Amino acid sequence: MSQKLLCLTLNVNQFLYYSITEHRHNDMHYECMTPCQVTSDSDKENTIAFLLKELNILRTSNKKLQEKLAKEDKEQRKLKFKLELQEKETEAKIAEKTAGR
């Protein structure tokens, strides 16, 4: 039997903690605990500060990934356009040779 602690944040000042106990046959047992059973106010403040820092890091990472995706999408559209142009040039050359015979 293993036990895990899951923290659900309802808002910045309110936490719900669930103790999840895994029993045999993968049955799950959930037990709601009040925040005072789990952590002190200073721990909550530290947790909030940590989560806010992590959120900012993830926002920055997300922004960079979106910029990279937009750049790659633009590059893909350019390559597709060049390929279509090259195919039309090839078709035109073939038509020109066929008409010249």
PDB file of N, CA and C in Angstrom:
ATOM      1  N   MET A   1       0.850  -1.170   0.000  1.00  0.00           N
ATOM      2  CA  MET A   1       0.000   0.000   0.000  1.00  0.00           C
ATOM      3  C   MET A   1       0.894   1.231   0.000  1.00  0.00           C
ATOM      4  N   SER A   2       0.656   2.159  -0.947  1.00  0.00           N
ATOM      5  CA  SER A   2       1.421   3.394  -0.985  1.00  0.00           C
ATOM      6  C   SER A   2       0.475   4.564  -0.807  1.00  0.00           C
ATOM      7  N   GLN A   3       1.024   5.671  -0.331  1.00  0.00           N
ATOM      8  CA  GLN A   3       0.188   6.825  -0.055  1.00  0.00           C
ATOM      9  C   GLN A   3       0.787   8.038  -0.738  1.00  0.00           C
ATOM     10  N   LYS A   4      -0.062   8.844  -1.360  1.00  0.00           N
ATOM     11  CA  LYS A   4       0.369  10.050  -2.046  1.00  0.00           C
ATOM     12  C   LYS A   4      -0.470  11.203  -1.534  1.00  0.00           C
ATOM     13  N   LEU A   5       0.073  12.408  -1.603  1.00  0.00           N
ATOM     14  CA  LEU A   5      -0.651  13.591  -1.185  1.00  0.00           C
ATOM     15  C   LEU A   5      -0.914  14.437  -2.405  1.00  0.00           C
ATOM     16  N   LEU A   6      -2.148  14.810  -2.623  1.00  0.00           N
ATOM     17  CA  LEU A   6      -2.539  15.601  -3.775  1.00  0.00           C
ATOM     18  C   LEU A   6      -3.085  16.916  -3.271  1.00  0.00           C
ATOM     19  N   CYS A   7      -2.594  18.023  -3.804  1.00  0.00           N
ATOM     20  CA  CYS A   7      -3.052  19.348  -3.401  1.00  0.00           C
ATOM     21  C   CYS A   7      -3.837  19.936  -4.558  1.00  0.00           C
ATOM     22  N   LEU A   8      -5.074  20.305  -4.331  1.00  0.00           N
ATOM     23  CA  LEU A   8      -5.882  20.978  -5.329  1.00  0.00           C
ATOM     24  C   LEU A   8      -6.018  22.426  -4.898  1.00  0.00           C
ATOM     25  N   THR A   9      -5.620  23.362  -5.738  1.00  0.00           N
ATOM     26  CA  THR A   9      -5.713  24.769  -5.395  1.00  0.00           C
ATOM     27  C   THR A   9      -7.029  25.305  -5.937  1.00  0.00           C
ATOM     28  N   LEU A  10      -7.885  25.792  -5.050  1.00  0.00           N
ATOM     29  CA  LEU A  10      -9.149  26.379  -5.471  1.00  0.00           C
ATOM     30  C   LEU A  10      -8.951  27.847  -5.821  1.00  0.00           C
ATOM     31  N   ASN A  11      -8.191  28.545  -5.030  1.00  0.00           N
ATOM     32  CA  ASN A  11      -7.714  29.879  -5.338  1.00  0.00           C
ATOM     33  C   ASN A  11      -6.456  30.095  -4.530  1.00  0.00           C
ATOM     34  N   VAL A  12      -5.892  31.271  -4.580  1.00  0.00           N
ATOM     35  CA  VAL A  12      -4.589  31.485  -3.969  1.00  0.00           C
ATOM     36  C   VAL A  12      -4.624  31.229  -2.461  1.00  0.00           C
ATOM     37  N   ASN A  13      -5.742  31.458  -1.795  1.00  0.00           N
ATOM     38  CA  ASN A  13      -5.799  31.343  -0.338  1.00  0.00           C
ATOM     39  C   ASN A  13      -6.485  30.074   0.164  1.00  0.00           C
ATOM     40  N   GLN A  14      -6.942  29.229  -0.720  1.00  0.00           N
ATOM     41  CA  GLN A  14      -7.732  28.078  -0.289  1.00  0.00           C
ATOM     42  C   GLN A  14      -7.187  26.807  -0.931  1.00  0.00           C
ATOM     43  N   PHE A  15      -6.872  25.830  -0.103  1.00  0.00           N
ATOM     44  CA  PHE A  15      -6.333  24.568  -0.586  1.00  0.00           C
ATOM     45  C   PHE A  15      -7.210  23.419  -0.111  1.00  0.00           C
ATOM     46  N   LEU A  16      -7.317  22.412  -0.933  1.00  0.00           N
ATOM     47  CA  LEU A  16      -7.920  21.150  -0.521  1.00  0.00           C
ATOM     48  C   LEU A  16      -6.854  20.092  -0.673  1.00  0.00           C
ATOM     49  N   TYR A  17      -6.675  19.308   0.324  1.00  0.00           N
ATOM     50  CA  TYR A  17      -5.672  18.253   0.272  1.00  0.00           C
ATOM     51  C   TYR A  17      -6.387  16.909   0.334  1.00  0.00           C
ATOM     52  N   TYR A  18      -5.945  16.012  -0.499  1.00  0.00           N
ATOM     53  CA  TYR A  18      -6.504  14.674  -0.503  1.00  0.00           C
ATOM     54  C   TYR A  18      -5.376  13.682  -0.289  1.00  0.00           C
ATOM     55  N   SER A  19      -5.608  12.795   0.606  1.00  0.00           N
ATOM     56  CA  SER A  19      -4.672  11.707   0.791  1.00  0.00           C
ATOM     57  C   SER A  19      -5.174  10.567  -0.069  1.00  0.00           C
ATOM     58  N   ILE A  20      -4.343  10.119  -0.972  1.00  0.00           N
ATOM     59  CA  ILE A  20      -4.742   9.036  -1.869  1.00  0.00           C
ATOM     60  C   ILE A  20      -3.970   7.793  -1.457  1.00  0.00           C
ATOM     61  N   THR A  21      -4.687   6.793  -1.083  1.00  0.00           N
ATOM     62  CA  THR A  21      -4.067   5.552  -0.662  1.00  0.00           C
ATOM     63  C   THR A  21      -4.395   4.478  -1.682  1.00  0.00           C
ATOM     64  N   GLU A  22      -3.370   3.832  -2.192  1.00  0.00           N
ATOM     65  CA  GLU A  22      -3.581   2.763  -3.154  1.00  0.00           C
ATOM     66  C   GLU A  22      -3.627   1.438  -2.392  1.00  0.00           C
ATOM     67  N   HIS A  23      -4.687   0.719  -2.570  1.00  0.00           N
ATOM     68  CA  HIS A  23      -4.849  -0.583  -1.928  1.00  0.00           C
ATOM     69  C   HIS A  23      -4.668  -1.670  -2.979  1.00  0.00           C
ATOM     70  N   ARG A  24      -4.763  -2.886  -2.552  1.00  0.00           N
ATOM     71  CA  ARG A  24      -4.687  -3.994  -3.499  1.00  0.00           C
ATOM     72  C   ARG A  24      -5.760  -3.861  -4.569  1.00  0.00           C
ATOM     73  N   HIS A  25      -5.526  -4.406  -5.718  1.00  0.00           N
ATOM     74  CA  HIS A  25      -6.439  -4.416  -6.869  1.00  0.00           C
ATOM     75  C   HIS A  25      -6.662  -2.995  -7.397  1.00  0.00           C
ATOM     76  N   ASN A  26      -5.686  -2.103  -7.177  1.00  0.00           N
ATOM     77  CA  ASN A  26      -5.734  -0.733  -7.681  1.00  0.00           C
ATOM     78  C   ASN A  26      -6.959   0.051  -7.235  1.00  0.00           C
ATOM     79  N   ASP A  27      -7.559  -0.337  -6.119  1.00  0.00           N
ATOM     80  CA  ASP A  27      -8.648   0.450  -5.555  1.00  0.00           C
ATOM     81  C   ASP A  27      -8.050   1.714  -4.964  1.00  0.00           C
ATOM     82  N   MET A  28      -8.732   2.827  -5.118  1.00  0.00           N
ATOM     83  CA  MET A  28      -8.235   4.085  -4.582  1.00  0.00           C
ATOM     84  C   MET A  28      -9.144   4.519  -3.443  1.00  0.00           C
ATOM     85  N   HIS A  29      -8.543   5.011  -2.396  1.00  0.00           N
ATOM     86  CA  HIS A  29      -9.283   5.527  -1.259  1.00  0.00           C
ATOM     87  C   HIS A  29      -8.918   6.997  -1.096  1.00  0.00           C
ATOM     88  N   TYR A  30      -9.915   7.881  -1.124  1.00  0.00           N
ATOM     89  CA  TYR A  30      -9.679   9.304  -0.990  1.00  0.00           C
ATOM     90  C   TYR A  30     -10.140   9.758   0.382  1.00  0.00           C
ATOM     91  N   GLU A  31      -9.289  10.513   1.028  1.00  0.00           N
ATOM     92  CA  GLU A  31      -9.640  11.028   2.342  1.00  0.00           C
ATOM     93  C   GLU A  31      -9.348  12.519   2.342  1.00  0.00           C
ATOM     94  N   CYS A  32     -10.382  13.317   2.531  1.00  0.00           N
ATOM     95  CA  CYS A  32     -10.197  14.760   2.528  1.00  0.00           C
ATOM     96  C   CYS A  32      -9.609  15.187   3.862  1.00  0.00           C
ATOM     97  N   MET A  33      -8.600  16.065   3.796  1.00  0.00           N
ATOM     98  CA  MET A  33      -7.990  16.575   5.003  1.00  0.00           C
ATOM     99  C   MET A  33      -8.088  18.094   4.976  1.00  0.00           C
ATOM    100  N   THR A  34      -8.244  18.714   6.096  1.00  0.00           N
ATOM    101  CA  THR A  34      -8.275  20.168   6.139  1.00  0.00           C
ATOM    102  C   THR A  34      -6.852  20.684   6.039  1.00  0.00           C
ATOM    103  N   PRO A  35      -6.665  21.889   5.530  1.00  0.00           N
ATOM    104  CA  PRO A  35      -5.307  22.411   5.373  1.00  0.00           C
ATOM    105  C   PRO A  35      -4.508  22.444   6.670  1.00  0.00           C
ATOM    106  N   CYS A  36      -5.160  22.690   7.798  1.00  0.00           N
ATOM    107  CA  CYS A  36      -4.414  22.754   9.059  1.00  0.00           C
ATOM    108  C   CYS A  36      -3.823  21.401   9.427  1.00  0.00           C
ATOM    109  N   GLN A  37      -4.370  20.326   8.867  1.00  0.00           N
ATOM    110  CA  GLN A  37      -3.817  19.004   9.125  1.00  0.00           C
ATOM    111  C   GLN A  37      -2.541  18.776   8.330  1.00  0.00           C
ATOM    112  N   VAL A  38      -2.324  19.568   7.320  1.00  0.00           N
ATOM    113  CA  VAL A  38      -1.244  19.291   6.393  1.00  0.00           C
ATOM    114  C   VAL A  38      -0.090  20.285   6.505  1.00  0.00           C
ATOM    115  N   THR A  39      -0.391  21.565   6.563  1.00  0.00           N
ATOM    116  CA  THR A  39       0.671  22.550   6.449  1.00  0.00           C
ATOM    117  C   THR A  39       0.362  23.802   7.250  1.00  0.00           C
ATOM    118  N   SER A  40       1.384  24.548   7.575  1.00  0.00           N
ATOM    119  CA  SER A  40       1.223  25.806   8.291  1.00  0.00           C
ATOM    120  C   SER A  40       1.050  26.945   7.299  1.00  0.00           C
ATOM    121  N   ASP A  41       0.722  28.134   7.813  1.00  0.00           N
ATOM    122  CA  ASP A  41       0.540  29.300   6.944  1.00  0.00           C
ATOM    123  C   ASP A  41       1.830  29.663   6.212  1.00  0.00           C
ATOM    124  N   SER A  42       2.964  29.559   6.880  1.00  0.00           N
ATOM    125  CA  SER A  42       4.222  29.897   6.214  1.00  0.00           C
ATOM    126  C   SER A  42       4.521  28.910   5.089  1.00  0.00           C
ATOM    127  N   ASP A  43       4.160  27.642   5.298  1.00  0.00           N
ATOM    128  CA  ASP A  43       4.321  26.665   4.222  1.00  0.00           C
ATOM    129  C   ASP A  43       3.426  27.020   3.040  1.00  0.00           C
ATOM    130  N   LYS A  44       2.214  27.479   3.341  1.00  0.00           N
ATOM    131  CA  LYS A  44       1.292  27.881   2.270  1.00  0.00           C
ATOM    132  C   LYS A  44       1.877  29.050   1.490  1.00  0.00           C
ATOM    133  N   GLU A  45       2.414  30.036   2.210  1.00  0.00           N
ATOM    134  CA  GLU A  45       3.004  31.199   1.544  1.00  0.00           C
ATOM    135  C   GLU A  45       4.184  30.786   0.680  1.00  0.00           C
ATOM    136  N   ASN A  46       5.009  29.890   1.192  1.00  0.00           N
ATOM    137  CA  ASN A  46       6.136  29.388   0.403  1.00  0.00           C
ATOM    138  C   ASN A  46       5.653  28.628  -0.814  1.00  0.00           C
ATOM    139  N   THR A  47       4.612  27.831  -0.627  1.00  0.00           N
ATOM    140  CA  THR A  47       4.046  27.065  -1.746  1.00  0.00           C
ATOM    141  C   THR A  47       3.479  28.001  -2.799  1.00  0.00           C
ATOM    142  N   ILE A  48       2.764  29.021  -2.345  1.00  0.00           N
ATOM    143  CA  ILE A  48       2.186  29.991  -3.281  1.00  0.00           C
ATOM    144  C   ILE A  48       3.290  30.706  -4.040  1.00  0.00           C
ATOM    145  N   ALA A  49       4.317  31.146  -3.337  1.00  0.00           N
ATOM    146  CA  ALA A  49       5.429  31.836  -3.990  1.00  0.00           C
ATOM    147  C   ALA A  49       6.100  30.926  -5.013  1.00  0.00           C
ATOM    148  N   PHE A  50       6.330  29.678  -4.620  1.00  0.00           N
ATOM    149  CA  PHE A  50       6.943  28.714  -5.533  1.00  0.00           C
ATOM    150  C   PHE A  50       6.071  28.495  -6.768  1.00  0.00           C
ATOM    151  N   LEU A  51       4.761  28.325  -6.558  1.00  0.00           N
ATOM    152  CA  LEU A  51       3.857  28.082  -7.679  1.00  0.00           C
ATOM    153  C   LEU A  51       3.774  29.292  -8.608  1.00  0.00           C
ATOM    154  N   LEU A  52       3.811  30.498  -8.031  1.00  0.00           N
ATOM    155  CA  LEU A  52       3.784  31.700  -8.866  1.00  0.00           C
ATOM    156  C   LEU A  52       5.056  31.811  -9.710  1.00  0.00           C
ATOM    157  N   LYS A  53       6.200  31.479  -9.110  1.00  0.00           N
ATOM    158  CA  LYS A  53       7.451  31.474  -9.880  1.00  0.00           C
ATOM    159  C   LYS A  53       7.387  30.443 -10.999  1.00  0.00           C
ATOM    160  N   GLU A  54       6.902  29.264 -10.654  1.00  0.00           N
ATOM    161  CA  GLU A  54       6.790  28.207 -11.662  1.00  0.00           C
ATOM    162  C   GLU A  54       5.832  28.611 -12.776  1.00  0.00           C
ATOM    163  N   LEU A  55       4.735  29.264 -12.407  1.00  0.00           N
ATOM    164  CA  LEU A  55       3.770  29.736 -13.401  1.00  0.00           C
ATOM    165  C   LEU A  55       4.429  30.727 -14.356  1.00  0.00           C
ATOM    166  N   ASN A  56       5.222  31.651 -13.825  1.00  0.00           N
ATOM    167  CA  ASN A  56       5.918  32.616 -14.678  1.00  0.00           C
ATOM    168  C   ASN A  56       6.914  31.929 -15.599  1.00  0.00           C
ATOM    169  N   ILE A  57       7.620  30.939 -15.078  1.00  0.00           N
ATOM    170  CA  ILE A  57       8.562  30.183 -15.903  1.00  0.00           C
ATOM    171  C   ILE A  57       7.824  29.473 -17.028  1.00  0.00           C
ATOM    172  N   LEU A  58       6.690  28.863 -16.703  1.00  0.00           N
ATOM    173  CA  LEU A  58       5.914  28.145 -17.714  1.00  0.00           C
ATOM    174  C   LEU A  58       5.318  29.106 -18.746  1.00  0.00           C
ATOM    175  N   ARG A  59       4.894  30.284 -18.299  1.00  0.00           N
ATOM    176  CA  ARG A  59       4.385  31.289 -19.244  1.00  0.00           C
ATOM    177  C   ARG A  59       5.473  31.701 -20.236  1.00  0.00           C
ATOM    178  N   THR A  60       6.672  31.941 -19.711  1.00  0.00           N
ATOM    179  CA  THR A  60       7.794  32.326 -20.570  1.00  0.00           C
ATOM    180  C   THR A  60       8.118  31.210 -21.557  1.00  0.00           C
ATOM    181  N   SER A  61       8.164  29.994 -21.046  1.00  0.00           N
ATOM    182  CA  SER A  61       8.444  28.837 -21.903  1.00  0.00           C
ATOM    183  C   SER A  61       7.366  28.688 -22.973  1.00  0.00           C
ATOM    184  N   ASN A  62       6.112  28.848 -22.577  1.00  0.00           N
ATOM    185  CA  ASN A  62       5.000  28.737 -23.513  1.00  0.00           C
ATOM    186  C   ASN A  62       5.105  29.800 -24.604  1.00  0.00           C
ATOM    187  N   LYS A  63       5.441  31.027 -24.200  1.00  0.00           N
ATOM    188  CA  LYS A  63       5.580  32.116 -25.177  1.00  0.00           C
ATOM    189  C   LYS A  63       6.682  31.798 -26.180  1.00  0.00           C
ATOM    190  N   LYS A  64       7.836  31.307 -25.686  1.00  0.00           N
ATOM    191  CA  LYS A  64       8.940  30.951 -26.574  1.00  0.00           C
ATOM    192  C   LYS A  64       8.538  29.831 -27.525  1.00  0.00           C
ATOM    193  N   LEU A  65       7.811  28.837 -27.009  1.00  0.00           N
ATOM    194  CA  LEU A  65       7.370  27.729 -27.870  1.00  0.00           C
ATOM    195  C   LEU A  65       6.380  28.206 -28.921  1.00  0.00           C
ATOM    196  N   GLN A  66       5.490  29.124 -28.544  1.00  0.00           N
ATOM    197  CA  GLN A  66       4.538  29.664 -29.519  1.00  0.00           C
ATOM    198  C   GLN A  66       5.261  30.444 -30.607  1.00  0.00           C
ATOM    199  N   GLU A  67       6.283  31.228 -30.213  1.00  0.00           N
ATOM    200  CA  GLU A  67       7.063  31.976 -31.196  1.00  0.00           C
ATOM    201  C   GLU A  67       7.805  31.032 -32.137  1.00  0.00           C
ATOM    202  N   LYS A  68       8.373  29.972 -31.564  1.00  0.00           N
ATOM    203  CA  LYS A  68       9.092  28.981 -32.382  1.00  0.00           C
ATOM    204  C   LYS A  68       8.128  28.297 -33.345  1.00  0.00           C
ATOM    205  N   LEU A  69       6.945  27.947 -32.856  1.00  0.00           N
ATOM    206  CA  LEU A  69       5.943  27.300 -33.701  1.00  0.00           C
ATOM    207  C   LEU A  69       5.508  28.223 -34.831  1.00  0.00           C
ATOM    208  N   ALA A  70       5.294  29.498 -34.527  1.00  0.00           N
ATOM    209  CA  ALA A  70       4.894  30.457 -35.559  1.00  0.00           C
ATOM    210  C   ALA A  70       5.990  30.594 -36.612  1.00  0.00           C
ATOM    211  N   LYS A  71       7.250  30.646 -36.163  1.00  0.00           N
ATOM    212  CA  LYS A  71       8.371  30.751 -37.101  1.00  0.00           C
ATOM    213  C   LYS A  71       8.459  29.516 -37.983  1.00  0.00           C
ATOM    214  N   GLU A  72       8.331  28.330 -37.385  1.00  0.00           N
ATOM    215  CA  GLU A  72       8.390  27.091 -38.166  1.00  0.00           C
ATOM    216  C   GLU A  72       7.204  26.975 -39.115  1.00  0.00           C
ATOM    217  N   ASP A  73       6.033  27.448 -38.689  1.00  0.00           N
ATOM    218  CA  ASP A  73       4.852  27.428 -39.548  1.00  0.00           C
ATOM    219  C   ASP A  73       5.064  28.339 -40.754  1.00  0.00           C
ATOM    220  N   LYS A  74       5.646  29.509 -40.497  1.00  0.00           N
ATOM    221  CA  LYS A  74       5.935  30.444 -41.594  1.00  0.00           C
ATOM    222  C   LYS A  74       6.932  29.827 -42.574  1.00  0.00           C
ATOM    223  N   GLU A  75       7.965  29.183 -42.037  1.00  0.00           N
ATOM    224  CA  GLU A  75       8.970  28.529 -42.880  1.00  0.00           C
ATOM    225  C   GLU A  75       8.348  27.395 -43.701  1.00  0.00           C
ATOM    226  N   GLN A  76       7.443  26.645 -43.066  1.00  0.00           N
ATOM    227  CA  GLN A  76       6.771  25.548 -43.771  1.00  0.00           C
ATOM    228  C   GLN A  76       5.918  26.087 -44.914  1.00  0.00           C
ATOM    229  N   ARG A  77       5.214  27.187 -44.676  1.00  0.00           N
ATOM    230  CA  ARG A  77       4.396  27.784 -45.743  1.00  0.00           C
ATOM    231  C   ARG A  77       5.270  28.278 -46.894  1.00  0.00           C
ATOM    232  N   LYS A  78       6.443  28.856 -46.568  1.00  0.00           N
ATOM    233  CA  LYS A  78       7.368  29.305 -47.612  1.00  0.00           C
ATOM    234  C   LYS A  78       7.833  28.126 -48.463  1.00  0.00           C
ATOM    235  N   LEU A  79       8.222  27.031 -47.788  1.00  0.00           N
ATOM    236  CA  LEU A  79       8.694  25.854 -48.516  1.00  0.00           C
ATOM    237  C   LEU A  79       7.593  25.263 -49.392  1.00  0.00           C
ATOM    238  N   LYS A  80       6.387  25.244 -48.871  1.00  0.00           N
ATOM    239  CA  LYS A  80       5.257  24.714 -49.645  1.00  0.00           C
ATOM    240  C   LYS A  80       5.016  25.582 -50.875  1.00  0.00           C
ATOM    241  N   PHE A  81       5.090  26.895 -50.695  1.00  0.00           N
ATOM    242  CA  PHE A  81       4.901  27.810 -51.823  1.00  0.00           C
ATOM    243  C   PHE A  81       5.992  27.606 -52.870  1.00  0.00           C
ATOM    244  N   LYS A  82       7.253  27.478 -52.412  1.00  0.00           N
ATOM    245  CA  LYS A  82       8.369  27.255 -53.349  1.00  0.00           C
ATOM    246  C   LYS A  82       8.194  25.954 -54.117  1.00  0.00           C
ATOM    247  N   LEU A  83       7.739  24.915 -53.420  1.00  0.00           N
ATOM    248  CA  LEU A  83       7.521  23.621 -54.061  1.00  0.00           C
ATOM    249  C   LEU A  83       6.424  23.719 -55.123  1.00  0.00           C
ATOM    250  N   GLU A  84       5.326  24.396 -54.784  1.00  0.00           N
ATOM    251  CA  GLU A  84       4.241  24.568 -55.753  1.00  0.00           C
ATOM    252  C   GLU A  84       4.722  25.362 -56.967  1.00  0.00           C
ATOM    253  N   LEU A  85       5.527  26.397 -56.718  1.00  0.00           N
ATOM    254  CA  LEU A  85       6.068  27.204 -57.810  1.00  0.00           C
ATOM    255  C   LEU A  85       6.990  26.364 -58.693  1.00  0.00           C
ATOM    256  N   GLN A  86       7.814  25.543 -58.064  1.00  0.00           N
ATOM    257  CA  GLN A  86       8.728  24.677 -58.811  1.00  0.00           C
ATOM    258  C   GLN A  86       7.942  23.669 -59.650  1.00  0.00           C
ATOM    259  N   GLU A  87       6.861  23.113 -59.095  1.00  0.00           N
ATOM    260  CA  GLU A  87       6.030  22.166 -59.852  1.00  0.00           C
ATOM    261  C   GLU A  87       5.402  22.845 -61.056  1.00  0.00           C
ATOM    262  N   LYS A  88       4.940  24.080 -60.898  1.00  0.00           N
ATOM    263  CA  LYS A  88       4.325  24.807 -62.016  1.00  0.00           C
ATOM    264  C   LYS A  88       5.370  25.134 -63.088  1.00  0.00           C
ATOM    265  N   GLU A  89       6.585  25.480 -62.658  1.00  0.00           N
ATOM    266  CA  GLU A  89       7.655  25.730 -63.622  1.00  0.00           C
ATOM    267  C   GLU A  89       7.969  24.468 -64.416  1.00  0.00           C
ATOM    268  N   THR A  90       8.010  23.326 -63.732  1.00  0.00           N
ATOM    269  CA  THR A  90       8.271  22.047 -64.400  1.00  0.00           C
ATOM    270  C   THR A  90       7.158  21.734 -65.392  1.00  0.00           C
ATOM    271  N   GLU A  91       5.913  21.934 -64.972  1.00  0.00           N
ATOM    272  CA  GLU A  91       4.777  21.700 -65.880  1.00  0.00           C
ATOM    273  C   GLU A  91       4.851  22.620 -67.097  1.00  0.00           C
ATOM    274  N   ALA A  92       5.259  23.873 -66.874  1.00  0.00           N
ATOM    275  CA  ALA A  92       5.360  24.824 -67.987  1.00  0.00           C
ATOM    276  C   ALA A  92       6.452  24.409 -68.960  1.00  0.00           C
ATOM    277  N   LYS A  93       7.591  23.936 -68.438  1.00  0.00           N
ATOM    278  CA  LYS A  93       8.677  23.487 -69.304  1.00  0.00           C
ATOM    279  C   LYS A  93       8.238  22.281 -70.138  1.00  0.00           C
ATOM    280  N   ILE A  94       7.521  21.350 -69.487  1.00  0.00           N
ATOM    281  CA  ILE A  94       7.033  20.163 -70.203  1.00  0.00           C
ATOM    282  C   ILE A  94       6.047  20.575 -71.300  1.00  0.00           C
ATOM    283  N   ALA A  95       5.148  21.499 -70.977  1.00  0.00           N
ATOM    284  CA  ALA A  95       4.171  21.972 -71.964  1.00  0.00           C
ATOM    285  C   ALA A  95       4.889  22.691 -73.114  1.00  0.00           C
ATOM    286  N   GLU A  96       5.935  23.447 -72.794  1.00  0.00           N
ATOM    287  CA  GLU A  96       6.680  24.161 -73.830  1.00  0.00           C
ATOM    288  C   GLU A  96       7.379  23.195 -74.762  1.00  0.00           C
ATOM    289  N   LYS A  97       7.990  22.135 -74.195  1.00  0.00           N
ATOM    290  CA  LYS A  97       8.658  21.138 -75.022  1.00  0.00           C
ATOM    291  C   LYS A  97       7.647  20.388 -75.883  1.00  0.00           C
ATOM    292  N   THR A  98       6.506  20.068 -75.293  1.00  0.00           N
ATOM    293  CA  THR A  98       5.473  19.334 -76.031  1.00  0.00           C
ATOM    294  C   THR A  98       4.925  20.187 -77.159  1.00  0.00           C
ATOM    295  N   ALA A  99       4.731  21.468 -76.943  1.00  0.00           N
ATOM    296  CA  ALA A  99       4.201  22.373 -77.972  1.00  0.00           C
ATOM    297  C   ALA A  99       5.240  22.601 -79.062  1.00  0.00           C
ATOM    298  N   GLY A 100       6.516  22.542 -78.752  1.00  0.00           N
ATOM    299  CA  GLY A 100       7.591  22.772 -79.726  1.00  0.00           C
ATOM    300  C   GLY A 100       7.795  21.632 -80.677  1.00  0.00           C
ATOM    301  N   ARG A 101       7.271  20.485 -80.416  1.00  0.00           N
ATOM    302  CA  ARG A 101       7.482  19.325 -81.295  1.00  0.00           C
ATOM    303  C   ARG A 101       6.610  19.352 -82.480  1.00  0.00           C
TER     304      ARG A 101
END
